[in-house]
Amino acid sequence: MKALSLLASALFATATFAAPVAYEIDPAHTYPSFEADHMGLSVWRGKLNKSSGTVVYDKANGSGTVDVQMDLASIDFGLDAMNAWARGKDFFNVEKNPTASYKGRFDGAIGGVPGKLVGELTLNGKTRPVTLAVHQLKCIPHPLHKRELCGADASGSFNREDFGLAAGKDYGFKMDVQLRIQVEAIAKE
């Protein structure tokens, strides 16, 4: 009985004193992507090929923060002419605003796994609230680096006109954009 009591105390102490862990986003396994309307005819899909940032995650209670920096010059629609236009002065104007960012905090945890990210998207020099649903979050020991590796998939939507990006609206383009951030991050040493 005494051994069981000690084991229970040890487990409680471990859960109580679990500390948040800081992770560095792996740019080779993190590609924020998006879907946007093209005159109501089709959906254009693209991704950002360069991103960086950090995640702080407390697995015991599902709390933490996310900070993802996205290089807008790395936009990739799969069409060079569209990429060049999006980087230019008529849309992202990457000379003036080279990055976008998403900063948020985990919320709605069940069993240590958060259900959403409540945060802000900064794009085109404007910052607006954007909540992302967390579809998956899992951590495992990295087989090569011998540090913890976490992966997650989150998505949400925003109105691009709220960020001053209304190009095409007069031609019938819908302003809603679906944002998906798929991320892998490894524990910092």
Foldseek 3Di string as FASTA:
>chain_A
DVVVVVVVVVVVVCLVPQAWFKWKWDLVFKKKKKWWFDLVPDIQIKIFSGKIWMWIARQSAQKTKTKMKGFLLRICSVDVVVSVVCCPPLHQVCVVVGIKMWIFMFDCDDNSHGQKTWTWIAGLNDIDTWIKGKPDKDWDQDPPPRFIKMKTKIKTKDFCVVNVGCPCVVSRIGRIMIIMITTMTTTDD
